[in-house]
């Protein structure tokens, strides 16, 4: 993504998401299997324009809380990048 850099998304998350809806995965966690090969374990961020009218940006990252608490600068980078992307798409 041109708005969201790896540096702005490297911090903790609160679980992984999966859905049967035809969503657009934006950040996917890859975990190694027994053979050491990476596979998708779940999404931390996705865009959903199909399961309901409108547009949902769904995430297990909580940038608004961390940004407002002023203790995690990576969250601020993520939040601003995400909002720029939403505003421009």
PDB file of N, CA and C in Angstrom:
ATOM      1  N   UNK A   1       0.845  -1.184   0.000  1.00  0.00           N
ATOM      2  CA  UNK A   1       0.000   0.000   0.000  1.00  0.00           C
ATOM      3  C   UNK A   1       0.881   1.235   0.000  1.00  0.00           C
ATOM      4  N   UNK A   2       0.506   2.210  -0.776  1.00  0.00           N
ATOM      5  CA  UNK A   2       1.323   3.413  -0.844  1.00  0.00           C
ATOM      6  C   UNK A   2       1.211   4.279   0.408  1.00  0.00           C
ATOM      7  N   UNK A   3       0.173   4.120   1.198  1.00  0.00           N
ATOM      8  CA  UNK A   3      -0.020   4.937   2.395  1.00  0.00           C
ATOM      9  C   UNK A   3       0.513   4.273   3.662  1.00  0.00           C
ATOM     10  N   UNK A   4       0.413   2.971   3.728  1.00  0.00           N
ATOM     11  CA  UNK A   4       0.738   2.241   4.951  1.00  0.00           C
ATOM     12  C   UNK A   4       2.065   1.507   4.779  1.00  0.00           C
ATOM     13  N   UNK A   5       3.085   1.951   5.484  1.00  0.00           N
ATOM     14  CA  UNK A   5       4.396   1.313   5.400  1.00  0.00           C
ATOM     15  C   UNK A   5       4.490   0.178   6.419  1.00  0.00           C
ATOM     16  N   UNK A   6       5.443  -0.684   6.225  1.00  0.00           N
ATOM     17  CA  UNK A   6       5.676  -1.756   7.184  1.00  0.00           C
ATOM     18  C   UNK A   6       5.983  -1.178   8.563  1.00  0.00           C
ATOM     19  N   UNK A   7       6.772  -0.114   8.601  1.00  0.00           N
ATOM     20  CA  UNK A   7       7.138   0.498   9.883  1.00  0.00           C
ATOM     21  C   UNK A   7       5.914   0.995  10.655  1.00  0.00           C
ATOM     22  N   UNK A   8       4.914   1.470   9.945  1.00  0.00           N
ATOM     23  CA  UNK A   8       3.726   1.981  10.637  1.00  0.00           C
ATOM     24  C   UNK A   8       2.799   0.868  11.117  1.00  0.00           C
ATOM     25  N   UNK A   9       3.035  -0.362  10.674  1.00  0.00           N
ATOM     26  CA  UNK A   9       2.158  -1.467  11.071  1.00  0.00           C
ATOM     27  C   UNK A   9       2.853  -2.496  11.955  1.00  0.00           C
ATOM     28  N   UNK A  10       4.097  -2.244  12.368  1.00  0.00           N
ATOM     29  CA  UNK A  10       4.811  -3.196  13.211  1.00  0.00           C
ATOM     30  C   UNK A  10       4.568  -2.843  14.672  1.00  0.00           C
ATOM     31  N   UNK A  11       3.543  -3.387  15.211  1.00  0.00           N
ATOM     32  CA  UNK A  11       3.257  -3.296  16.629  1.00  0.00           C
ATOM     33  C   UNK A  11       2.194  -4.322  16.953  1.00  0.00           C
ATOM     34  N   UNK A  12       1.803  -4.441  18.202  1.00  0.00           N
ATOM     35  CA  UNK A  12       0.925  -5.532  18.593  1.00  0.00           C
ATOM     36  C   UNK A  12      -0.480  -5.411  18.003  1.00  0.00           C
ATOM     37  N   UNK A  13      -1.191  -6.531  18.022  1.00  0.00           N
ATOM     38  CA  UNK A  13      -2.578  -6.554  17.567  1.00  0.00           C
ATOM     39  C   UNK A  13      -3.388  -7.349  18.584  1.00  0.00           C
ATOM     40  N   UNK A  14      -4.674  -7.335  18.434  1.00  0.00           N
ATOM     41  CA  UNK A  14      -5.564  -7.987  19.388  1.00  0.00           C
ATOM     42  C   UNK A  14      -6.336  -9.112  18.714  1.00  0.00           C
ATOM     43  N   UNK A  15      -5.623 -10.007  18.086  1.00  0.00           N
ATOM     44  CA  UNK A  15      -6.247 -11.161  17.465  1.00  0.00           C
ATOM     45  C   UNK A  15      -6.202 -11.094  15.951  1.00  0.00           C
ATOM     46  N   UNK A  16      -6.665 -12.163  15.343  1.00  0.00           N
ATOM     47  CA  UNK A  16      -6.709 -12.273  13.886  1.00  0.00           C
ATOM     48  C   UNK A  16      -8.140 -12.509  13.446  1.00  0.00           C
ATOM     49  N   UNK A  17      -8.477 -12.014  12.268  1.00  0.00           N
ATOM     50  CA  UNK A  17      -9.831 -12.089  11.743  1.00  0.00           C
ATOM     51  C   UNK A  17      -9.899 -13.023  10.541  1.00  0.00           C
ATOM     52  N   UNK A  18     -11.042 -13.649  10.381  1.00  0.00           N
ATOM     53  CA  UNK A  18     -11.322 -14.403   9.159  1.00  0.00           C
ATOM     54  C   UNK A  18     -12.802 -14.233   8.853  1.00  0.00           C
ATOM     55  N   UNK A  19     -13.134 -14.323   7.589  1.00  0.00           N
ATOM     56  CA  UNK A  19     -14.526 -14.166   7.170  1.00  0.00           C
ATOM     57  C   UNK A  19     -14.740 -14.904   5.867  1.00  0.00           C
ATOM     58  N   UNK A  20     -15.976 -15.295   5.625  1.00  0.00           N
ATOM     59  CA  UNK A  20     -16.321 -15.919   4.350  1.00  0.00           C
ATOM     60  C   UNK A  20     -16.677 -14.869   3.302  1.00  0.00           C
ATOM     61  N   UNK A  21     -16.856 -13.626   3.727  1.00  0.00           N
ATOM     62  CA  UNK A  21     -17.186 -12.548   2.791  1.00  0.00           C
ATOM     63  C   UNK A  21     -15.991 -12.273   1.877  1.00  0.00           C
ATOM     64  N   UNK A  22     -16.267 -11.782   0.700  1.00  0.00           N
ATOM     65  CA  UNK A  22     -15.225 -11.485  -0.282  1.00  0.00           C
ATOM     66  C   UNK A  22     -14.608 -10.123   0.016  1.00  0.00           C
ATOM     67  N   UNK A  23     -13.821 -10.065   1.092  1.00  0.00           N
ATOM     68  CA  UNK A  23     -13.209  -8.813   1.538  1.00  0.00           C
ATOM     69  C   UNK A  23     -11.834  -8.648   0.916  1.00  0.00           C
ATOM     70  N   UNK A  24     -11.261  -7.448   1.074  1.00  0.00           N
ATOM     71  CA  UNK A  24      -9.906  -7.174   0.587  1.00  0.00           C
ATOM     72  C   UNK A  24      -8.968  -7.187   1.797  1.00  0.00           C
ATOM     73  N   UNK A  25      -8.140  -8.212   1.928  1.00  0.00           N
ATOM     74  CA  UNK A  25      -7.173  -8.241   3.039  1.00  0.00           C
ATOM     75  C   UNK A  25      -6.121  -7.159   2.840  1.00  0.00           C
ATOM     76  N   UNK A  26      -5.836  -6.394   3.888  1.00  0.00           N
ATOM     77  CA  UNK A  26      -4.845  -5.326   3.807  1.00  0.00           C
ATOM     78  C   UNK A  26      -3.592  -5.649   4.618  1.00  0.00           C
ATOM     79  N   UNK A  27      -3.754  -6.256   5.784  1.00  0.00           N
ATOM     80  CA  UNK A  27      -2.620  -6.763   6.556  1.00  0.00           C
ATOM     81  C   UNK A  27      -2.969  -8.182   6.975  1.00  0.00           C
ATOM     82  N   UNK A  28      -2.126  -9.133   6.553  1.00  0.00           N
ATOM     83  CA  UNK A  28      -2.348 -10.548   6.831  1.00  0.00           C
ATOM     84  C   UNK A  28      -1.169 -11.087   7.625  1.00  0.00           C
ATOM     85  N   UNK A  29      -1.465 -11.845   8.673  1.00  0.00           N
ATOM     86  CA  UNK A  29      -0.430 -12.494   9.448  1.00  0.00           C
ATOM     87  C   UNK A  29      -0.072 -13.812   8.785  1.00  0.00           C
ATOM     88  N   UNK A  30       1.208 -14.048   8.628  1.00  0.00           N
ATOM     89  CA  UNK A  30       1.671 -15.318   8.080  1.00  0.00           C
ATOM     90  C   UNK A  30       2.413 -16.072   9.174  1.00  0.00           C
ATOM     91  N   UNK A  31       2.041 -17.312   9.376  1.00  0.00           N
ATOM     92  CA  UNK A  31       2.659 -18.154  10.385  1.00  0.00           C
ATOM     93  C   UNK A  31       3.261 -19.375   9.707  1.00  0.00           C
ATOM     94  N   UNK A  32       4.397 -19.846  10.194  1.00  0.00           N
ATOM     95  CA  UNK A  32       4.981 -21.048   9.596  1.00  0.00           C
ATOM     96  C   UNK A  32       4.220 -22.304  10.003  1.00  0.00           C
ATOM     97  N   UNK A  33       4.086 -23.234   9.066  1.00  0.00           N
ATOM     98  CA  UNK A  33       3.485 -24.521   9.395  1.00  0.00           C
ATOM     99  C   UNK A  33       4.589 -25.471   9.877  1.00  0.00           C
ATOM    100  N   UNK A  34       4.263 -26.733  10.076  1.00  0.00           N
ATOM    101  CA  UNK A  34       5.234 -27.695  10.601  1.00  0.00           C
ATOM    102  C   UNK A  34       6.471 -27.811   9.713  1.00  0.00           C
ATOM    103  N   UNK A  35       6.309 -27.608   8.408  1.00  0.00           N
ATOM    104  CA  UNK A  35       7.428 -27.702   7.475  1.00  0.00           C
ATOM    105  C   UNK A  35       8.216 -26.387   7.394  1.00  0.00           C
ATOM    106  N   UNK A  36       7.746 -25.347   8.077  1.00  0.00           N
ATOM    107  CA  UNK A  36       8.424 -24.061   8.036  1.00  0.00           C
ATOM    108  C   UNK A  36       7.945 -23.147   6.930  1.00  0.00           C
ATOM    109  N   UNK A  37       6.953 -23.596   6.151  1.00  0.00           N
ATOM    110  CA  UNK A  37       6.411 -22.772   5.076  1.00  0.00           C
ATOM    111  C   UNK A  37       5.370 -21.807   5.638  1.00  0.00           C
ATOM    112  N   UNK A  38       5.403 -20.573   5.173  1.00  0.00           N
ATOM    113  CA  UNK A  38       4.456 -19.560   5.658  1.00  0.00           C
ATOM    114  C   UNK A  38       3.080 -19.788   5.056  1.00  0.00           C
ATOM    115  N   UNK A  39       2.054 -19.563   5.844  1.00  0.00           N
ATOM    116  CA  UNK A  39       0.677 -19.603   5.360  1.00  0.00           C
ATOM    117  C   UNK A  39      -0.121 -18.529   6.089  1.00  0.00           C
ATOM    118  N   UNK A  40      -1.215 -18.104   5.481  1.00  0.00           N
ATOM    119  CA  UNK A  40      -2.055 -17.068   6.081  1.00  0.00           C
ATOM    120  C   UNK A  40      -2.717 -17.600   7.346  1.00  0.00           C
ATOM    121  N   UNK A  41      -2.505 -16.905   8.448  1.00  0.00           N
ATOM    122  CA  UNK A  41      -3.110 -17.291   9.716  1.00  0.00           C
ATOM    123  C   UNK A  41      -4.369 -16.476   9.997  1.00  0.00           C
ATOM    124  N   UNK A  42      -4.492 -15.318   9.386  1.00  0.00           N
ATOM    125  CA  UNK A  42      -5.648 -14.457   9.594  1.00  0.00           C
ATOM    126  C   UNK A  42      -5.300 -13.020   9.262  1.00  0.00           C
ATOM    127  N   UNK A  43      -6.317 -12.192   9.241  1.00  0.00           N
ATOM    128  CA  UNK A  43      -6.150 -10.785   8.872  1.00  0.00           C
ATOM    129  C   UNK A  43      -6.153  -9.901  10.114  1.00  0.00           C
ATOM    130  N   UNK A  44      -5.341  -8.854  10.069  1.00  0.00           N
ATOM    131  CA  UNK A  44      -5.353  -7.829  11.110  1.00  0.00           C
ATOM    132  C   UNK A  44      -6.060  -6.573  10.614  1.00  0.00           C
ATOM    133  N   UNK A  45      -6.235  -6.471   9.292  1.00  0.00           N
ATOM    134  CA  UNK A  45      -6.883  -5.301   8.702  1.00  0.00           C
ATOM    135  C   UNK A  45      -7.467  -5.707   7.361  1.00  0.00           C
ATOM    136  N   UNK A  46      -8.753  -5.378   7.145  1.00  0.00           N
ATOM    137  CA  UNK A  46      -9.352  -5.627   5.838  1.00  0.00           C
ATOM    138  C   UNK A  46     -10.420  -4.598   5.517  1.00  0.00           C
ATOM    139  N   UNK A  47     -10.715  -4.506   4.231  1.00  0.00           N
ATOM    140  CA  UNK A  47     -11.771  -3.621   3.729  1.00  0.00           C
ATOM    141  C   UNK A  47     -12.924  -4.490   3.248  1.00  0.00           C
ATOM    142  N   UNK A  48     -14.129  -4.144   3.670  1.00  0.00           N
ATOM    143  CA  UNK A  48     -15.324  -4.909   3.311  1.00  0.00           C
ATOM    144  C   UNK A  48     -16.336  -3.965   2.651  1.00  0.00           C
ATOM    145  N   UNK A  49     -16.594  -4.198   1.380  1.00  0.00           N
ATOM    146  CA  UNK A  49     -17.609  -3.417   0.659  1.00  0.00           C
ATOM    147  C   UNK A  49     -18.722  -4.317   0.141  1.00  0.00           C
ATOM    148  N   UNK A  50     -18.766  -5.565   0.617  1.00  0.00           N
ATOM    149  CA  UNK A  50     -19.732  -6.515   0.080  1.00  0.00           C
ATOM    150  C   UNK A  50     -20.746  -7.046   1.085  1.00  0.00           C
ATOM    151  N   UNK A  51     -20.404  -7.107   2.360  1.00  0.00           N
ATOM    152  CA  UNK A  51     -21.313  -7.755   3.309  1.00  0.00           C
ATOM    153  C   UNK A  51     -22.425  -6.837   3.803  1.00  0.00           C
ATOM    154  N   UNK A  52     -22.304  -5.548   3.536  1.00  0.00           N
ATOM    155  CA  UNK A  52     -23.302  -4.575   3.981  1.00  0.00           C
ATOM    156  C   UNK A  52     -23.208  -3.351   3.074  1.00  0.00           C
ATOM    157  N   UNK A  53     -24.262  -2.573   2.937  1.00  0.00           N
ATOM    158  CA  UNK A  53     -24.133  -1.338   2.157  1.00  0.00           C
ATOM    159  C   UNK A  53     -23.094  -0.422   2.813  1.00  0.00           C
ATOM    160  N   UNK A  54     -22.308   0.214   2.027  1.00  0.00           N
ATOM    161  CA  UNK A  54     -21.281   1.099   2.570  1.00  0.00           C
ATOM    162  C   UNK A  54     -19.923   0.433   2.552  1.00  0.00           C
ATOM    163  N   UNK A  55     -19.058   0.897   3.422  1.00  0.00           N
ATOM    164  CA  UNK A  55     -17.672   0.443   3.454  1.00  0.00           C
ATOM    165  C   UNK A  55     -17.226   0.265   4.896  1.00  0.00           C
ATOM    166  N   UNK A  56     -16.699  -0.901   5.214  1.00  0.00           N
ATOM    167  CA  UNK A  56     -16.163  -1.169   6.540  1.00  0.00           C
ATOM    168  C   UNK A  56     -14.657  -1.336   6.448  1.00  0.00           C
ATOM    169  N   UNK A  57     -13.933  -0.688   7.329  1.00  0.00           N
ATOM    170  CA  UNK A  57     -12.509  -0.918   7.507  1.00  0.00           C
ATOM    171  C   UNK A  57     -12.406  -1.603   8.865  1.00  0.00           C
ATOM    172  N   UNK A  58     -12.040  -2.876   8.858  1.00  0.00           N
ATOM    173  CA  UNK A  58     -12.068  -3.695  10.069  1.00  0.00           C
ATOM    174  C   UNK A  58     -10.640  -4.027  10.477  1.00  0.00           C
ATOM    175  N   UNK A  59     -10.338  -3.834  11.763  1.00  0.00           N
ATOM    176  CA  UNK A  59      -8.978  -4.091  12.235  1.00  0.00           C
ATOM    177  C   UNK A  59      -8.978  -4.568  13.672  1.00  0.00           C
ATOM    178  N   UNK A  60      -7.956  -5.332  14.016  1.00  0.00           N
ATOM    179  CA  UNK A  60      -7.718  -5.706  15.412  1.00  0.00           C
ATOM    180  C   UNK A  60      -6.622  -4.840  16.013  1.00  0.00           C
ATOM    181  N   UNK A  61      -6.089  -3.914  15.222  1.00  0.00           N
ATOM    182  CA  UNK A  61      -5.140  -2.928  15.722  1.00  0.00           C
ATOM    183  C   UNK A  61      -5.960  -1.784  16.324  1.00  0.00           C
ATOM    184  N   UNK A  62      -5.486  -1.195  17.377  1.00  0.00           N
ATOM    185  CA  UNK A  62      -6.283  -0.135  18.017  1.00  0.00           C
ATOM    186  C   UNK A  62      -5.535   1.200  18.020  1.00  0.00           C
ATOM    187  N   UNK A  63      -5.358   1.791  16.837  1.00  0.00           N
ATOM    188  CA  UNK A  63      -4.554   3.017  16.758  1.00  0.00           C
ATOM    189  C   UNK A  63      -5.192   4.220  17.431  1.00  0.00           C
ATOM    190  N   UNK A  64      -6.505   4.306  17.502  1.00  0.00           N
ATOM    191  CA  UNK A  64      -7.103   5.500  18.096  1.00  0.00           C
ATOM    192  C   UNK A  64      -6.835   5.571  19.601  1.00  0.00           C
ATOM    193  N   UNK A  65      -6.938   4.446  20.293  1.00  0.00           N
ATOM    194  CA  UNK A  65      -6.653   4.439  21.734  1.00  0.00           C
ATOM    195  C   UNK A  65      -5.188   4.774  21.991  1.00  0.00           C
ATOM    196  N   UNK A  66      -4.292   4.080  21.295  1.00  0.00           N
ATOM    197  CA  UNK A  66      -2.866   4.291  21.533  1.00  0.00           C
ATOM    198  C   UNK A  66      -2.434   5.697  21.122  1.00  0.00           C
ATOM    199  N   UNK A  67      -2.983   6.205  20.033  1.00  0.00           N
ATOM    200  CA  UNK A  67      -2.664   7.571  19.612  1.00  0.00           C
ATOM    201  C   UNK A  67      -3.123   8.564  20.680  1.00  0.00           C
ATOM    202  N   UNK A  68      -4.332   8.408  21.140  1.00  0.00           N
ATOM    203  CA  UNK A  68      -4.885   9.325  22.142  1.00  0.00           C
ATOM    204  C   UNK A  68      -4.185   9.244  23.481  1.00  0.00           C
ATOM    205  N   UNK A  69      -3.589   8.095  23.784  1.00  0.00           N
ATOM    206  CA  UNK A  69      -2.884   7.927  25.052  1.00  0.00           C
ATOM    207  C   UNK A  69      -1.438   8.416  24.989  1.00  0.00           C
ATOM    208  N   UNK A  70      -0.984   8.778  23.790  1.00  0.00           N
ATOM    209  CA  UNK A  70       0.353   9.352  23.597  1.00  0.00           C
ATOM    210  C   UNK A  70       1.498   8.479  24.096  1.00  0.00           C
ATOM    211  N   UNK A  71       1.390   7.151  23.946  1.00  0.00           N
ATOM    212  CA  UNK A  71       2.497   6.324  24.394  1.00  0.00           C
ATOM    213  C   UNK A  71       3.019   5.373  23.330  1.00  0.00           C
ATOM    214  N   UNK A  72       2.488   5.432  22.130  1.00  0.00           N
ATOM    215  CA  UNK A  72       2.944   4.520  21.096  1.00  0.00           C
ATOM    216  C   UNK A  72       3.011   5.260  19.760  1.00  0.00           C
ATOM    217  N   UNK A  73       4.167   5.833  19.408  1.00  0.00           N
ATOM    218  CA  UNK A  73       4.267   6.619  18.182  1.00  0.00           C
ATOM    219  C   UNK A  73       3.956   5.819  16.919  1.00  0.00           C
ATOM    220  N   UNK A  74       4.192   4.509  16.936  1.00  0.00           N
ATOM    221  CA  UNK A  74       3.857   3.683  15.779  1.00  0.00           C
ATOM    222  C   UNK A  74       2.361   3.691  15.504  1.00  0.00           C
ATOM    223  N   UNK A  75       1.569   3.783  16.560  1.00  0.00           N
ATOM    224  CA  UNK A  75       0.120   3.832  16.395  1.00  0.00           C
ATOM    225  C   UNK A  75      -0.307   5.119  15.703  1.00  0.00           C
ATOM    226  N   UNK A  76       0.359   6.207  16.014  1.00  0.00           N
ATOM    227  CA  UNK A  76       0.056   7.482  15.372  1.00  0.00           C
ATOM    228  C   UNK A  76       0.398   7.412  13.893  1.00  0.00           C
ATOM    229  N   UNK A  77       1.570   6.845  13.548  1.00  0.00           N
ATOM    230  CA  UNK A  77       1.930   6.674  12.134  1.00  0.00           C
ATOM    231  C   UNK A  77       0.884   5.831  11.418  1.00  0.00           C
ATOM    232  N   UNK A  78       0.460   4.736  12.058  1.00  0.00           N
ATOM    233  CA  UNK A  78      -0.541   3.854  11.454  1.00  0.00           C
ATOM    234  C   UNK A  78      -1.870   4.578  11.270  1.00  0.00           C
ATOM    235  N   UNK A  79      -2.338   5.250  12.305  1.00  0.00           N
ATOM    236  CA  UNK A  79      -3.623   5.942  12.243  1.00  0.00           C
ATOM    237  C   UNK A  79      -3.626   6.994  11.137  1.00  0.00           C
ATOM    238  N   UNK A  80      -2.594   7.828  11.082  1.00  0.00           N
ATOM    239  CA  UNK A  80      -2.543   8.876  10.058  1.00  0.00           C
ATOM    240  C   UNK A  80      -2.463   8.276   8.660  1.00  0.00           C
ATOM    241  N   UNK A  81      -1.686   7.224   8.484  1.00  0.00           N
ATOM    242  CA  UNK A  81      -1.587   6.574   7.171  1.00  0.00           C
ATOM    243  C   UNK A  81      -2.932   5.960   6.777  1.00  0.00           C
ATOM    244  N   UNK A  82      -3.588   5.306   7.725  1.00  0.00           N
ATOM    245  CA  UNK A  82      -4.888   4.696   7.447  1.00  0.00           C
ATOM    246  C   UNK A  82      -5.925   5.759   7.079  1.00  0.00           C
ATOM    247  N   UNK A  83      -5.950   6.847   7.808  1.00  0.00           N
ATOM    248  CA  UNK A  83      -6.917   7.907   7.508  1.00  0.00           C
ATOM    249  C   UNK A  83      -6.640   8.575   6.165  1.00  0.00           C
ATOM    250  N   UNK A  84      -5.359   8.758   5.811  1.00  0.00           N
ATOM    251  CA  UNK A  84      -5.031   9.299   4.481  1.00  0.00           C
ATOM    252  C   UNK A  84      -5.514   8.352   3.379  1.00  0.00           C
ATOM    253  N   UNK A  85      -5.310   7.050   3.578  1.00  0.00           N
ATOM    254  CA  UNK A  85      -5.750   6.056   2.599  1.00  0.00           C
ATOM    255  C   UNK A  85      -7.279   6.075   2.464  1.00  0.00           C
ATOM    256  N   UNK A  86      -7.993   6.074   3.585  1.00  0.00           N
ATOM    257  CA  UNK A  86      -9.461   6.095   3.539  1.00  0.00           C
ATOM    258  C   UNK A  86      -9.959   7.358   2.848  1.00  0.00           C
ATOM    259  N   UNK A  87      -9.338   8.490   3.159  1.00  0.00           N
ATOM    260  CA  UNK A  87      -9.736   9.759   2.571  1.00  0.00           C
ATOM    261  C   UNK A  87      -9.502   9.805   1.057  1.00  0.00           C
ATOM    262  N   UNK A  88      -8.467   9.131   0.583  1.00  0.00           N
ATOM    263  CA  UNK A  88      -8.107   9.189  -0.822  1.00  0.00           C
ATOM    264  C   UNK A  88      -8.649   8.041  -1.666  1.00  0.00           C
ATOM    265  N   UNK A  89      -9.425   7.134  -1.080  1.00  0.00           N
ATOM    266  CA  UNK A  89      -9.954   6.019  -1.880  1.00  0.00           C
ATOM    267  C   UNK A  89     -11.470   6.028  -1.912  1.00  0.00           C
TER     268      UNK A  89
END
